[in-house]
C-alpha atoms as a PDB file:
ATOM      1  CA  MET A   1      -5.630 -18.245  15.402  1.00  0.00           C
ATOM      2  CA  ILE A   2      -7.475 -15.985  12.949  1.00  0.00           C
ATOM      3  CA  ILE A   3     -10.699 -16.307  14.940  1.00  0.00           C
ATOM      4  CA  SER A   4      -8.904 -15.383  18.167  1.00  0.00           C
ATOM      5  CA  LEU A   5      -7.383 -12.331  16.465  1.00  0.00           C
ATOM      6  CA  LEU A   6     -10.814 -11.304  15.239  1.00  0.00           C
ATOM      7  CA  GLY A   7     -12.209 -11.746  18.704  1.00  0.00           C
ATOM      8  CA  ARG A   8      -9.756  -9.226  20.137  1.00  0.00           C
ATOM      9  CA  LEU A   9     -11.265  -6.497  17.971  1.00  0.00           C
ATOM     10  CA  HIS A  10     -14.403  -4.804  19.169  1.00  0.00           C
ATOM     11  CA  GLY A  11     -17.176  -2.763  17.569  1.00  0.00           C
ATOM     12  CA  ARG A  12     -18.914  -5.645  15.758  1.00  0.00           C
ATOM     13  CA  PRO A  13     -19.905  -9.204  16.689  1.00  0.00           C
ATOM     14  CA  LEU A  14     -17.336 -11.892  16.006  1.00  0.00           C
ATOM     15  CA  TRP A  15     -19.591 -13.651  13.524  1.00  0.00           C
ATOM     16  CA  VAL A  16     -19.870 -10.485  11.427  1.00  0.00           C
ATOM     17  CA  ARG A  17     -16.096 -10.115  11.229  1.00  0.00           C
ATOM     18  CA  ALA A  18     -15.667 -13.807  10.443  1.00  0.00           C
ATOM     19  CA  ALA A  19     -18.279 -13.514   7.685  1.00  0.00           C
ATOM     20  CA  LEU A  20     -16.517 -10.474   6.188  1.00  0.00           C
ATOM     21  CA  LEU A  21     -13.203 -12.324   6.260  1.00  0.00           C
ATOM     22  CA  ALA A  22     -14.752 -15.355   4.558  1.00  0.00           C
ATOM     23  CA  ALA A  23     -16.381 -13.133   1.934  1.00  0.00           C
ATOM     24  CA  GLY A  24     -13.092 -11.374   1.220  1.00  0.00           C
ATOM     25  CA  LEU A  25     -11.149 -14.619   0.852  1.00  0.00           C
ATOM     26  CA  THR A  26     -13.869 -16.075  -1.376  1.00  0.00           C
ATOM     27  CA  ALA A  27     -13.793 -12.994  -3.591  1.00  0.00           C
ATOM     28  CA  ALA A  28     -10.006 -13.262  -3.873  1.00  0.00           C
ATOM     29  CA  PHE A  29     -10.188 -16.914  -4.941  1.00  0.00           C
ATOM     30  CA  VAL A  30     -12.969 -16.503  -7.520  1.00  0.00           C
ATOM     31  CA  LEU A  31     -11.735 -13.207  -9.009  1.00  0.00           C
ATOM     32  CA  PRO A  32      -9.847 -14.715 -11.999  1.00  0.00           C
ATOM     33  CA  TRP A  33     -12.959 -16.735 -12.856  1.00  0.00           C
ATOM     34  CA  VAL A  34     -15.053 -13.604 -13.376  1.00  0.00           C
ATOM     35  CA  LEU A  35     -12.349 -11.253 -14.722  1.00  0.00           C
ATOM     36  CA  TYR A  36      -9.554 -11.582 -17.230  1.00  0.00           C
ATOM     37  CA  PRO A  37      -6.747 -13.161 -15.084  1.00  0.00           C
ATOM     38  CA  PRO A  38      -4.083 -10.461 -15.805  1.00  0.00           C
ATOM     39  CA  VAL A  39      -6.605  -7.789 -14.743  1.00  0.00           C
ATOM     40  CA  ALA A  40      -7.425  -9.785 -11.613  1.00  0.00           C
ATOM     41  CA  ALA A  41      -3.705  -9.969 -10.814  1.00  0.00           C
ATOM     42  CA  ASP A  42      -3.426  -6.202 -11.343  1.00  0.00           C
ATOM     43  CA  ILE A  43      -6.195  -5.715  -8.788  1.00  0.00           C
ATOM     44  CA  LEU A  44      -4.174  -7.768  -6.298  1.00  0.00           C
ATOM     45  CA  CYS A  45      -1.032  -5.710  -6.924  1.00  0.00           C
ATOM     46  CA  TRP A  46      -2.685  -2.304  -6.789  1.00  0.00           C
ATOM     47  CA  GLY A  47      -4.767  -3.379  -3.801  1.00  0.00           C
ATOM     48  CA  LEU A  48      -1.664  -4.281  -1.795  1.00  0.00           C
ATOM     49  CA  PHE A  49       0.000  -1.042  -2.943  1.00  0.00           C
ATOM     50  CA  ALA A  50      -2.992   1.005  -1.768  1.00  0.00           C
ATOM     51  CA  VAL A  51      -3.103  -0.788   1.593  1.00  0.00           C
ATOM     52  CA  ALA A  52       0.618  -0.114   2.056  1.00  0.00           C
ATOM     53  CA  PHE A  53       0.016   3.554   1.265  1.00  0.00           C
ATOM     54  CA  ASP A  54      -2.938   3.734   3.659  1.00  0.00           C
ATOM     55  CA  LEU A  55      -0.706   2.294   6.368  1.00  0.00           C
ATOM     56  CA  LEU A  56       1.372   5.456   6.012  1.00  0.00           C
ATOM     57  CA  LEU A  57      -1.370   8.007   5.316  1.00  0.00           C
ATOM     58  CA  GLY A  58      -4.320   6.757   7.337  1.00  0.00           C
ATOM     59  CA  HIS A  59      -2.517   5.300  10.346  1.00  0.00           C
ATOM     60  CA  ALA A  60       0.606   7.467  10.548  1.00  0.00           C
ATOM     61  CA  GLY A  61      -0.824  10.680   9.095  1.00  0.00           C
ATOM     62  CA  LEU A  62       1.968  11.058   6.510  1.00  0.00           C
ATOM     63  CA  LEU A  63       0.959  11.984   2.960  1.00  0.00           C
ATOM     64  CA  SER A  64       3.588  10.795   0.482  1.00  0.00           C
ATOM     65  CA  PHE A  65       3.624  11.913  -3.142  1.00  0.00           C
ATOM     66  CA  GLY A  66       6.605   9.714  -3.902  1.00  0.00           C
ATOM     67  CA  HIS A  67       5.517   6.129  -3.327  1.00  0.00           C
ATOM     68  CA  ALA A  68       6.028   5.379  -7.015  1.00  0.00           C
ATOM     69  CA  ALA A  69       9.746   5.330  -6.185  1.00  0.00           C
ATOM     70  CA  PHE A  70       9.287   2.169  -4.102  1.00  0.00           C
ATOM     71  CA  TRP A  71       6.789   0.511  -6.447  1.00  0.00           C
ATOM     72  CA  GLY A  72       9.039   1.220  -9.442  1.00  0.00           C
ATOM     73  CA  THR A  73      12.363   0.431  -7.776  1.00  0.00           C
ATOM     74  CA  SER A  74      11.028  -2.963  -6.803  1.00  0.00           C
ATOM     75  CA  ALA A  75       9.690  -3.542 -10.317  1.00  0.00           C
ATOM     76  CA  TYR A  76      13.135  -2.912 -11.824  1.00  0.00           C
ATOM     77  CA  ALA A  77      14.997  -4.864  -9.126  1.00  0.00           C
ATOM     78  CA  THR A  78      12.603  -7.803  -9.439  1.00  0.00           C
ATOM     79  CA  GLY A  79      13.037  -7.820 -13.195  1.00  0.00           C
ATOM     80  CA  LEU A  80      16.823  -7.718 -12.996  1.00  0.00           C
ATOM     81  CA  ILE A  81      16.935 -10.559 -10.471  1.00  0.00           C
ATOM     82  CA  ALA A  82      14.531 -12.654 -12.532  1.00  0.00           C
ATOM     83  CA  ILE A  83      16.401 -12.049 -15.805  1.00  0.00           C
ATOM     84  CA  HIS A  84      19.945 -12.589 -14.558  1.00  0.00           C
ATOM     85  CA  SER A  85      19.486 -15.278 -11.906  1.00  0.00           C
ATOM     86  CA  GLY A  86      16.762 -17.532 -13.279  1.00  0.00           C
ATOM     87  CA  MET A  87      15.532 -18.121  -9.713  1.00  0.00           C
ATOM     88  CA  PRO A  88      11.839 -18.491  -8.733  1.00  0.00           C
ATOM     89  CA  PHE A  89       9.935 -15.246  -9.077  1.00  0.00           C
ATOM     90  CA  TYR A  90       9.330 -15.206  -5.304  1.00  0.00           C
ATOM     91  CA  VAL A  91      13.053 -14.515  -4.829  1.00  0.00           C
ATOM     92  CA  GLY A  92      12.930 -11.640  -7.279  1.00  0.00           C
ATOM     93  CA  VAL A  93       9.849 -10.119  -5.647  1.00  0.00           C
ATOM     94  CA  LEU A  94      11.406 -10.365  -2.193  1.00  0.00           C
ATOM     95  CA  GLY A  95      14.657  -8.868  -3.483  1.00  0.00           C
ATOM     96  CA  GLY A  96      12.722  -6.017  -5.069  1.00  0.00           C
ATOM     97  CA  ALA A  97      10.836  -5.320  -1.852  1.00  0.00           C
ATOM     98  CA  LEU A  98      14.100  -5.250   0.100  1.00  0.00           C
ATOM     99  CA  ALA A  99      15.570  -2.828  -2.444  1.00  0.00           C
ATOM    100  CA  ALA A 100      12.539  -0.565  -1.961  1.00  0.00           C
ATOM    101  CA  ALA A 101      12.972  -0.699   1.820  1.00  0.00           C
ATOM    102  CA  VAL A 102      16.686   0.135   1.527  1.00  0.00           C
ATOM    103  CA  ILE A 103      16.101   3.318  -0.472  1.00  0.00           C
ATOM    104  CA  ALA A 104      13.147   4.206   1.784  1.00  0.00           C
ATOM    105  CA  LEU A 105      15.361   4.347   4.866  1.00  0.00           C
ATOM    106  CA  PRO A 106      17.372   7.491   3.972  1.00  0.00           C
ATOM    107  CA  ILE A 107      14.355   9.088   2.279  1.00  0.00           C
ATOM    108  CA  GLY A 108      12.198   8.526   5.349  1.00  0.00           C
ATOM    109  CA  TRP A 109      14.933   9.653   7.719  1.00  0.00           C
ATOM    110  CA  LEU A 110      15.134  13.005   5.911  1.00  0.00           C
ATOM    111  CA  ALA A 111      11.418  13.407   5.140  1.00  0.00           C
ATOM    112  CA  VAL A 112       9.975  12.818   8.632  1.00  0.00           C
ATOM    113  CA  ARG A 113      11.693  15.968   9.834  1.00  0.00           C
ATOM    114  CA  ARG A 114       9.019  17.845   7.902  1.00  0.00           C
ATOM    115  CA  THR A 115       5.253  17.688   8.221  1.00  0.00           C
ATOM    116  CA  GLY A 116       2.227  18.281   6.045  1.00  0.00           C
ATOM    117  CA  ILE A 117       2.785  19.500   2.507  1.00  0.00           C
ATOM    118  CA  TYR A 118       6.532  19.828   3.132  1.00  0.00           C
ATOM    119  CA  PHE A 119       6.772  16.091   3.852  1.00  0.00           C
ATOM    120  CA  ALA A 120       4.824  15.388   0.653  1.00  0.00           C
ATOM    121  CA  MET A 121       7.096  17.618  -1.424  1.00  0.00           C
ATOM    122  CA  VAL A 122      10.256  15.995  -0.041  1.00  0.00           C
ATOM    123  CA  THR A 123       8.998  12.529  -0.984  1.00  0.00           C
ATOM    124  CA  LEU A 124       7.976  13.792  -4.433  1.00  0.00           C
ATOM    125  CA  ALA A 125      11.438  15.275  -4.977  1.00  0.00           C
ATOM    126  CA  PHE A 126      13.151  11.991  -4.130  1.00  0.00           C
ATOM    127  CA  ALA A 127      10.742  10.080  -6.364  1.00  0.00           C
ATOM    128  CA  GLN A 128      11.558  12.351  -9.285  1.00  0.00           C
ATOM    129  CA  MET A 129      15.239  11.748  -8.616  1.00  0.00           C
ATOM    130  CA  ILE A 130      14.627   7.984  -8.846  1.00  0.00           C
ATOM    131  CA  TYR A 131      12.754   8.579 -12.114  1.00  0.00           C
ATOM    132  CA  PHE A 132      15.713  10.550 -13.502  1.00  0.00           C
ATOM    133  CA  ILE A 133      18.150   7.775 -12.518  1.00  0.00           C
ATOM    134  CA  ALA A 134      15.971   5.105 -14.143  1.00  0.00           C
ATOM    135  CA  ASN A 135      15.719   7.162 -17.309  1.00  0.00           C
ATOM    136  CA  GLN A 136      19.445   7.906 -17.576  1.00  0.00           C
ATOM    137  CA  TRP A 137      20.769   4.515 -16.489  1.00  0.00           C
ATOM    138  CA  GLY A 138      19.668   2.900 -19.707  1.00  0.00           C
ATOM    139  CA  ASP A 139      22.285   0.120 -19.661  1.00  0.00           C
ATOM    140  CA  VAL A 140      20.581  -1.355 -16.607  1.00  0.00           C
ATOM    141  CA  THR A 141      16.961  -0.192 -16.742  1.00  0.00           C
ATOM    142  CA  GLY A 142      16.494  -0.030 -20.494  1.00  0.00           C
ATOM    143  CA  GLY A 143      15.808   3.698 -20.358  1.00  0.00           C
ATOM    144  CA  GLU A 144      12.728   4.718 -22.318  1.00  0.00           C
ATOM    145  CA  ASN A 145      12.292   1.170 -23.623  1.00  0.00           C
ATOM    146  CA  GLY A 146      12.054  -0.246 -20.132  1.00  0.00           C
ATOM    147  CA  LEU A 147      13.122  -3.634 -18.822  1.00  0.00           C
ATOM    148  CA  GLN A 148      11.481  -6.226 -21.045  1.00  0.00           C
ATOM    149  CA  ASN A 149      10.946  -9.982 -21.116  1.00  0.00           C
ATOM    150  CA  ILE A 150      10.888 -10.476 -17.353  1.00  0.00           C
ATOM    151  CA  PRO A 151      10.438 -14.248 -16.915  1.00  0.00           C
ATOM    152  CA  ARG A 152       8.086 -16.080 -14.602  1.00  0.00           C
ATOM    153  CA  GLU A 153       9.955 -18.939 -13.011  1.00  0.00           C
ATOM    154  CA  LEU A 154       8.660 -21.422 -10.459  1.00  0.00           C
ATOM    155  CA  PRO A 155       9.959 -25.018 -10.504  1.00  0.00           C
ATOM    156  CA  GLY A 156       7.277 -27.520 -11.429  1.00  0.00           C
ATOM    157  CA  VAL A 157       4.663 -24.878 -12.283  1.00  0.00           C
ATOM    158  CA  ASP A 158       3.800 -23.446 -15.702  1.00  0.00           C
ATOM    159  CA  LEU A 159       3.406 -19.740 -14.978  1.00  0.00           C
ATOM    160  CA  THR A 160       2.983 -18.801 -18.624  1.00  0.00           C
ATOM    161  CA  ASP A 161      -0.729 -19.281 -17.907  1.00  0.00           C
ATOM    162  CA  SER A 162      -1.946 -16.023 -16.311  1.00  0.00           C
ATOM    163  CA  PHE A 163      -4.612 -17.981 -14.442  1.00  0.00           C
ATOM    164  CA  VAL A 164      -1.909 -20.053 -12.707  1.00  0.00           C
ATOM    165  CA  TYR A 165       0.227 -16.992 -12.010  1.00  0.00           C
ATOM    166  CA  TYR A 166      -2.686 -15.314 -10.218  1.00  0.00           C
ATOM    167  CA  TYR A 167      -2.877 -18.126  -7.665  1.00  0.00           C
ATOM    168  CA  ALA A 168       0.909 -18.193  -7.333  1.00  0.00           C
ATOM    169  CA  ALA A 169       0.932 -14.475  -6.498  1.00  0.00           C
ATOM    170  CA  LEU A 170      -2.122 -14.578  -4.221  1.00  0.00           C
ATOM    171  CA  PRO A 171      -0.295 -15.969  -1.119  1.00  0.00           C
ATOM    172  CA  VAL A 172       2.251 -13.132  -1.299  1.00  0.00           C
ATOM    173  CA  VAL A 173      -0.534 -10.543  -1.385  1.00  0.00           C
ATOM    174  CA  LEU A 174      -2.431 -12.208   1.465  1.00  0.00           C
ATOM    175  CA  LEU A 175       0.713 -12.284   3.613  1.00  0.00           C
ATOM    176  CA  GLY A 176       1.277  -8.595   2.858  1.00  0.00           C
ATOM    177  CA  LEU A 177      -2.293  -7.728   3.826  1.00  0.00           C
ATOM    178  CA  LEU A 178      -2.008  -9.783   7.011  1.00  0.00           C
ATOM    179  CA  ALA A 179       1.219  -7.978   7.908  1.00  0.00           C
ATOM    180  CA  ALA A 180      -0.432  -4.578   7.395  1.00  0.00           C
ATOM    181  CA  TRP A 181      -3.433  -5.580   9.518  1.00  0.00           C
ATOM    182  CA  ARG A 182      -1.227  -6.940  12.284  1.00  0.00           C
ATOM    183  CA  ILE A 183       0.906  -3.802  12.359  1.00  0.00           C
ATOM    184  CA  VAL A 184      -2.149  -1.559  12.681  1.00  0.00           C
ATOM    185  CA  HIS A 185      -3.506  -3.601  15.604  1.00  0.00           C
ATOM    186  CA  SER A 186      -0.181  -4.071  17.393  1.00  0.00           C
ATOM    187  CA  PRO A 187       1.267  -1.927  20.213  1.00  0.00           C
ATOM    188  CA  PHE A 188       3.504  -0.364  17.580  1.00  0.00           C
ATOM    189  CA  GLY A 189       0.431   0.608  15.569  1.00  0.00           C
ATOM    190  CA  ARG A 190      -1.255   2.099  18.638  1.00  0.00           C
ATOM    191  CA  VAL A 191       1.755   4.281  19.381  1.00  0.00           C
ATOM    192  CA  THR A 192       1.970   5.317  15.721  1.00  0.00           C
ATOM    193  CA  ALA A 193      -1.675   6.381  15.807  1.00  0.00           C
ATOM    194  CA  ALA A 194      -1.059   8.304  19.025  1.00  0.00           C
ATOM    195  CA  ILE A 195       1.850  10.117  17.378  1.00  0.00           C
ATOM    196  CA  ARG A 196      -0.402  10.923  14.425  1.00  0.00           C
ATOM    197  CA  ASP A 197      -3.104  12.383  16.686  1.00  0.00           C
ATOM    198  CA  ASN A 198      -0.881  14.281  19.116  1.00  0.00           C
ATOM    199  CA  PRO A 199       2.871  14.140  18.406  1.00  0.00           C
ATOM    200  CA  ALA A 200       3.732  16.649  21.151  1.00  0.00           C
ATOM    201  CA  ARG A 201       2.062  14.551  23.823  1.00  0.00           C
ATOM    202  CA  ALA A 202       3.630  11.329  22.514  1.00  0.00           C
ATOM    203  CA  ARG A 203       7.068  12.920  22.714  1.00  0.00           C
ATOM    204  CA  ALA A 204       6.315  14.184  26.215  1.00  0.00           C
ATOM    205  CA  LEU A 205       5.517  10.621  27.244  1.00  0.00           C
ATOM    206  CA  GLY A 206       8.914   9.467  26.056  1.00  0.00           C
ATOM    207  CA  TYR A 207       8.205   8.013  22.624  1.00  0.00           C
ATOM    208  CA  PRO A 208      10.695   8.819  19.807  1.00  0.00           C
ATOM    209  CA  ALA A 209       8.138  10.046  17.279  1.00  0.00           C
ATOM    210  CA  ASP A 210      10.537  10.430  14.361  1.00  0.00           C
ATOM    211  CA  ARG A 211      11.863   6.900  14.823  1.00  0.00           C
ATOM    212  CA  TYR A 212       8.347   5.461  14.716  1.00  0.00           C
ATOM    213  CA  LYS A 213       7.592   7.448  11.565  1.00  0.00           C
ATOM    214  CA  VAL A 214      10.727   6.188   9.837  1.00  0.00           C
ATOM    215  CA  VAL A 215       9.875   2.584  10.694  1.00  0.00           C
ATOM    216  CA  VAL A 216       6.318   2.807   9.369  1.00  0.00           C
ATOM    217  CA  PHE A 217       7.640   4.598   6.270  1.00  0.00           C
ATOM    218  CA  VAL A 218      10.071   1.754   5.559  1.00  0.00           C
ATOM    219  CA  VAL A 219       7.426  -0.917   6.218  1.00  0.00           C
ATOM    220  CA  SER A 220       5.036   0.850   3.850  1.00  0.00           C
ATOM    221  CA  ALA A 221       7.791   0.969   1.215  1.00  0.00           C
ATOM    222  CA  PHE A 222       8.522  -2.746   1.680  1.00  0.00           C
ATOM    223  CA  LEU A 223       4.868  -3.712   1.153  1.00  0.00           C
ATOM    224  CA  SER A 224       4.691  -1.343  -1.827  1.00  0.00           C
ATOM    225  CA  GLY A 225       7.754  -3.122  -3.177  1.00  0.00           C
ATOM    226  CA  LEU A 226       6.073  -6.501  -2.897  1.00  0.00           C
ATOM    227  CA  ALA A 227       3.188  -5.146  -4.955  1.00  0.00           C
ATOM    228  CA  GLY A 228       5.475  -3.532  -7.537  1.00  0.00           C
ATOM    229  CA  GLY A 229       7.494  -6.711  -8.021  1.00  0.00           C
ATOM    230  CA  LEU A 230       4.386  -8.825  -8.547  1.00  0.00           C
ATOM    231  CA  TYR A 231       3.077  -6.248 -11.012  1.00  0.00           C
ATOM    232  CA  ALA A 232       6.308  -6.332 -13.044  1.00  0.00           C
ATOM    233  CA  VAL A 233       6.281 -10.131 -13.223  1.00  0.00           C
ATOM    234  CA  ASN A 234       2.601 -10.108 -14.164  1.00  0.00           C
ATOM    235  CA  HIS A 235       3.218  -7.854 -17.173  1.00  0.00           C
ATOM    236  CA  GLY A 236       6.692  -9.117 -18.036  1.00  0.00           C
ATOM    237  CA  PHE A 237       8.262  -5.659 -18.121  1.00  0.00           C
ATOM    238  CA  ALA A 238       9.134  -2.638 -15.986  1.00  0.00           C
ATOM    239  CA  SER A 239       8.917   0.817 -17.525  1.00  0.00           C
ATOM    240  CA  LEU A 240       9.458   4.436 -16.543  1.00  0.00           C
ATOM    241  CA  GLN A 241       5.726   4.647 -15.874  1.00  0.00           C
ATOM    242  CA  GLU A 242       6.295   2.642 -12.688  1.00  0.00           C
ATOM    243  CA  VAL A 243       8.456   5.408 -11.181  1.00  0.00           C
ATOM    244  CA  TYR A 244       6.562   8.367 -12.664  1.00  0.00           C
ATOM    245  CA  TRP A 245       4.717  10.763 -10.365  1.00  0.00           C
ATOM    246  CA  THR A 246       1.319   9.817 -11.836  1.00  0.00           C
ATOM    247  CA  THR A 247       1.692   6.371 -10.263  1.00  0.00           C
ATOM    248  CA  SER A 248       1.985   8.038  -6.851  1.00  0.00           C
ATOM    249  CA  GLY A 249      -1.113  10.100  -7.629  1.00  0.00           C
ATOM    250  CA  LYS A 250      -3.030   7.013  -8.710  1.00  0.00           C
ATOM    251  CA  VAL A 251      -2.491   5.218  -5.411  1.00  0.00           C
ATOM    252  CA  VAL A 252      -3.554   8.367  -3.530  1.00  0.00           C
ATOM    253  CA  VAL A 253      -6.820   8.390  -5.496  1.00  0.00           C
ATOM    254  CA  MET A 254      -7.419   4.701  -4.741  1.00  0.00           C
ATOM    255  CA  THR A 255      -6.891   5.224  -1.020  1.00  0.00           C
ATOM    256  CA  VAL A 256      -9.139   8.283  -0.824  1.00  0.00           C
ATOM    257  CA  LEU A 257     -11.882   6.568  -2.838  1.00  0.00           C
ATOM    258  CA  GLY A 258     -11.900   3.562  -0.540  1.00  0.00           C
ATOM    259  CA  GLY A 259     -11.543   5.543   2.668  1.00  0.00           C
ATOM    260  CA  ILE A 260      -8.460   6.875   4.401  1.00  0.00           C
ATOM    261  CA  GLY A 261      -7.570   4.923   7.523  1.00  0.00           C
ATOM    262  CA  THR A 262      -9.929   2.020   6.783  1.00  0.00           C
ATOM    263  CA  LEU A 263      -7.159  -0.242   5.405  1.00  0.00           C
ATOM    264  CA  TRP A 264      -9.578  -2.546   3.560  1.00  0.00           C
ATOM    265  CA  GLY A 265     -11.188   0.405   1.820  1.00  0.00           C
ATOM    266  CA  SER A 266      -7.978   0.753  -0.157  1.00  0.00           C
ATOM    267  CA  LEU A 267      -8.668  -2.659  -1.699  1.00  0.00           C
ATOM    268  CA  VAL A 268     -12.114  -1.485  -2.764  1.00  0.00           C
ATOM    269  CA  GLY A 269     -10.712   1.707  -4.271  1.00  0.00           C
ATOM    270  CA  ALA A 270      -7.986  -0.191  -6.123  1.00  0.00           C
ATOM    271  CA  ALA A 271     -10.416  -2.755  -7.514  1.00  0.00           C
ATOM    272  CA  ALA A 272     -12.790  -0.023  -8.684  1.00  0.00           C
ATOM    273  CA  ILE A 273     -10.093   2.020 -10.443  1.00  0.00           C
ATOM    274  CA  VAL A 274      -8.370  -0.951 -12.122  1.00  0.00           C
ATOM    275  CA  ARG A 275     -11.655  -2.471 -13.288  1.00  0.00           C
ATOM    276  CA  LEU A 276     -12.944   0.864 -14.559  1.00  0.00           C
ATOM    277  CA  GLU A 277      -9.745   1.615 -16.480  1.00  0.00           C
ATOM    278  CA  ASP A 278      -9.800  -1.854 -18.041  1.00  0.00           C
ATOM    279  CA  TRP A 279     -13.447  -1.501 -19.068  1.00  0.00           C
ATOM    280  CA  LEU A 280     -12.887   1.953 -20.564  1.00  0.00           C
ATOM    281  CA  SER A 281      -9.777   0.890 -22.494  1.00  0.00           C
ATOM    282  CA  THR A 282     -11.442  -2.219 -23.938  1.00  0.00           C
ATOM    283  CA  SER A 283     -14.436  -0.066 -24.907  1.00  0.00           C
ATOM    284  CA  GLY A 284     -12.172   2.166 -26.961  1.00  0.00           C
ATOM    285  CA  PHE A 285     -12.522   5.200 -24.692  1.00  0.00           C
ATOM    286  CA  GLU A 286      -9.170   6.954 -24.534  1.00  0.00           C
ATOM    287  CA  GLU A 287      -9.806   9.647 -21.899  1.00  0.00           C
ATOM    288  CA  THR A 288      -9.858   7.293 -18.915  1.00  0.00           C
ATOM    289  CA  GLY A 289      -8.403   9.988 -16.672  1.00  0.00           C
ATOM    290  CA  LEU A 290     -11.424  12.206 -17.314  1.00  0.00           C
ATOM    291  CA  VAL A 291     -13.829   9.536 -16.083  1.00  0.00           C
ATOM    292  CA  THR A 292     -11.804   8.426 -13.068  1.00  0.00           C
ATOM    293  CA  GLY A 293     -11.177  12.056 -12.106  1.00  0.00           C
ATOM    294  CA  SER A 294     -14.901  12.842 -12.278  1.00  0.00           C
ATOM    295  CA  ILE A 295     -15.718   9.841 -10.108  1.00  0.00           C
ATOM    296  CA  PHE A 296     -13.038  10.912  -7.644  1.00  0.00           C
ATOM    297  CA  ILE A 297     -14.590  14.377  -7.352  1.00  0.00           C
ATOM    298  CA  VAL A 298     -18.073  12.932  -6.801  1.00  0.00           C
ATOM    299  CA  VAL A 299     -16.881  10.528  -4.111  1.00  0.00           C
ATOM    300  CA  VAL A 300     -14.920  13.232  -2.287  1.00  0.00           C
ATOM    301  CA  LEU A 301     -17.956  15.545  -2.309  1.00  0.00           C
ATOM    302  CA  LEU A 302     -20.630  12.984  -1.396  1.00  0.00           C
ATOM    303  CA  PHE A 303     -18.715  10.347   0.596  1.00  0.00           C
ATOM    304  CA  ARG A 304     -16.348  12.194   2.871  1.00  0.00           C
ATOM    305  CA  ARG A 305     -15.178   8.935   4.486  1.00  0.00           C
ATOM    306  CA  GLY A 306     -14.710   7.171   1.153  1.00  0.00           C
ATOM    307  CA  VAL A 307     -16.831   4.313  -0.159  1.00  0.00           C
ATOM    308  CA  TRP A 308     -15.804   1.697   2.413  1.00  0.00           C
ATOM    309  CA  GLY A 309     -15.587   4.202   5.255  1.00  0.00           C
ATOM    310  CA  THR A 310     -19.091   5.513   4.563  1.00  0.00           C
ATOM    311  CA  LEU A 311     -20.528   2.003   4.285  1.00  0.00           C
ATOM    312  CA  THR A 312     -19.029   0.813   7.569  1.00  0.00           C
ATOM    313  CA  HIS A 313     -20.162   4.020   9.289  1.00  0.00           C
ATOM    314  CA  LEU A 314     -23.758   3.516   8.138  1.00  0.00           C
ATOM    315  CA  LEU A 315     -23.744  -0.157   9.173  1.00  0.00           C
ATOM    316  CA  ARG A 316     -22.207   0.487  12.584  1.00  0.00           C
ATOM    317  CA  PRO A 317     -24.681  -0.377  15.375  1.00  0.00           C
ATOM    318  CA  ARG A 318     -26.143   2.614  17.129  1.00  0.00           C
ATOM    319  CA  GLY A 319     -24.409   3.612  20.314  1.00  0.00           C
ATOM    320  CA  THR A 320     -21.018   2.254  19.232  1.00  0.00           C
ATOM    321  CA  GLU A 321     -18.038   4.360  18.316  1.00  0.00           C
ATOM    322  CA  PRO A 322     -14.952   3.572  16.266  1.00  0.00           C
ATOM    323  CA  GLU A 323     -12.132   1.917  18.145  1.00  0.00           C
ATOM    324  CA  ALA A 324     -10.340   4.545  20.195  1.00  0.00           C
ATOM    325  CA  VAL A 325      -6.594   4.797  20.326  1.00  0.00           C
ATOM    326  CA  PRO A 326      -5.388   3.778  23.811  1.00  0.00           C
ATOM    327  CA  GLU A 327      -3.250   6.049  25.916  1.00  0.00           C
ATOM    328  CA  PRO A 328       0.485   5.543  25.388  1.00  0.00           C
ATOM    329  CA  GLY A 329       2.280   3.604  28.098  1.00  0.00           C
ATOM    330  CA  PRO A 330       4.090   5.020  31.114  1.00  0.00           C
ATOM    331  CA  VAL A 331       7.164   7.150  30.728  1.00  0.00           C
ATOM    332  CA  PRO A 332      10.484   5.304  31.123  1.00  0.00           C
ATOM    333  CA  ASP A 333      12.274   5.938  34.428  1.00  0.00           C
ATOM    334  CA  HIS A 334      15.082   7.855  32.756  1.00  0.00           C
ATOM    335  CA  GLU A 335      12.681  10.319  31.093  1.00  0.00           C
ATOM    336  CA  GLU A 336      10.922  13.252  32.680  1.00  0.00           C
ATOM    337  CA  THR A 337       7.920  14.999  31.184  1.00  0.00           C
ATOM    338  CA  THR A 338       8.903  18.530  32.004  1.00  0.00           C
ATOM    339  CA  GLN A 339       7.712  20.030  28.745  1.00  0.00           C
ATOM    340  CA  PRO A 340       4.070  21.139  28.452  1.00  0.00           C
ATOM    341  CA  VAL A 341       1.587  18.711  26.998  1.00  0.00           C
ATOM    342  CA  ALA A 342      -0.544  19.816  24.078  1.00  0.00           C
ATOM    343  CA  PRO A 343      -4.278  19.720  24.747  1.00  0.00           C
END
């Protein structure tokens, strides 16, 4: 099935795509053997978070400054479910992701009516509101102390070992990445990309642009919630940092570093940032933001497509172009395209 899906993509030979897939899966399986397992698990969580964000930014053209709301909401919800129910952590993570999707629905419905920086500011405002609620609702969230002692439960498996937890969380991350990839390469993803490139024309052809944007916003929030729940279980606590605006900024940096719209570049950006921060902190260097910010500036100036985007562009065979977005389908019979079409 995977090989047939790879074969439907064009631009590179099938064997190249199969080799890249094998290399990626191998790297995922050996990561806790070469890195401290909790750090390896953090790379998984932030990588899925960045891919979810790129699904919104790179493939729908919507820049959100409030995705920490979904990451953090899921972290708190996952922790509460795990603490009070004693059920396997998979249930808590799924419940957290659903909670993130639920709050994303009204936020997305209001935000998509704005574009550009106005959309970003609306999402930031809602995220700050979630932060205020988490801070004030101390009886539930723990306030400034956070939600502590989140258990790891899975019948028959000792998840107190971080090495074991990594492999228990890996299938969830892989399923999330597969879902993101499938959405991008589905008819829904093609229409979303068409709306991103020319919303006036997409509307003229009969597609409800705002409805598509809301759906991709909620899906992105759900995948972000999966990542946030896994992160909370990995560390055993959920704090106000998870819903703070700097978390939203961090995932933006990861996505830009890897390459906007590349999907897999977000994984590269997340791995680089998490590994760099871990190395700097263990080395005793306190100003990690100074180093990561400097690297971000260099990459933006020298690699306009991001690290992964630049690499794939350089390795692309001559005479080939990136996959073009197909024309949207025919207009339904009950619609008429009487309004002018943007060039």
